[in-house]
Amino acid sequence: MRRVIGFALFFTGIGMIIGLFIESVFWSVCIILGLLIIGYNLFMSCPGKRH
């Protein structure tokens, strides 16, 4: 569990650094929404089940 939390915190920090370089709010929101959707799909996917 500590590795998962560390992984999440590390990439949260990386995302904040990348956010410093993106000047447009529109692109920031698009990237955030896209990554949230991808992360949700990866987190909620069940390897044994097909819908």
Protein backbone atom coordinates (compact mmCIF):
# COMPACT_ATOMS: atom_id res chain seq x y z
CA MET A 1 0.00 0.00 0.00
CA ARG A 2 2.88 2.37 0.73
CA ARG A 3 4.19 1.90 -2.80
CA VAL A 4 0.82 2.84 -4.30
CA ILE A 5 0.59 5.97 -2.14
CA GLY A 6 4.17 6.88 -3.00
CA PHE A 7 3.46 6.35 -6.70
CA ALA A 8 0.39 8.60 -6.53
CA LEU A 9 2.21 11.33 -4.61
CA PHE A 10 5.20 11.24 -6.96
CA PHE A 11 3.08 11.68 -10.07
CA THR A 12 0.95 14.31 -8.38
CA GLY A 13 4.15 16.27 -7.92
CA ILE A 14 5.15 15.67 -11.54
CA GLY A 15 1.73 16.90 -12.64
CA MET A 16 2.09 20.05 -10.58
CA ILE A 17 5.47 20.74 -12.19
CA ILE A 18 4.00 20.25 -15.66
CA GLY A 19 1.11 22.54 -14.69
CA LEU A 20 3.57 25.32 -14.04
CA PHE A 21 4.60 25.29 -17.70
CA ILE A 22 1.08 25.23 -19.20
CA GLU A 23 -0.10 28.80 -19.49
CA SER A 24 -3.52 28.20 -21.02
CA VAL A 25 -6.29 27.32 -18.56
CA PHE A 26 -8.26 25.60 -21.34
CA TRP A 27 -5.48 23.10 -22.06
CA SER A 28 -4.88 22.52 -18.36
CA VAL A 29 -8.54 21.63 -17.84
CA CYS A 30 -8.55 19.38 -20.92
CA ILE A 31 -5.47 17.50 -19.71
CA ILE A 32 -6.86 17.18 -16.17
CA LEU A 33 -10.20 15.80 -17.40
CA GLY A 34 -8.52 13.40 -19.80
CA LEU A 35 -6.17 12.03 -17.16
CA LEU A 36 -9.01 11.69 -14.63
CA ILE A 37 -11.04 9.65 -17.12
CA ILE A 38 -8.07 7.44 -18.02
CA GLY A 39 -7.14 6.96 -14.35
CA TYR A 40 -10.72 6.07 -13.40
CA ASN A 41 -10.95 3.53 -16.21
CA LEU A 42 -7.63 1.94 -15.24
CA PHE A 43 -8.51 1.89 -11.53
CA MET A 44 -11.98 0.43 -12.01
CA SER A 45 -11.11 -2.15 -14.66
CA CYS A 46 -11.57 -5.75 -13.63
CA PRO A 47 -9.15 -8.08 -15.41
CA GLY A 48 -11.49 -11.10 -15.15
CA LYS A 49 -14.70 -9.44 -16.32
CA ARG A 50 -15.72 -8.17 -19.73
CA HIS A 51 -18.73 -5.89 -20.04
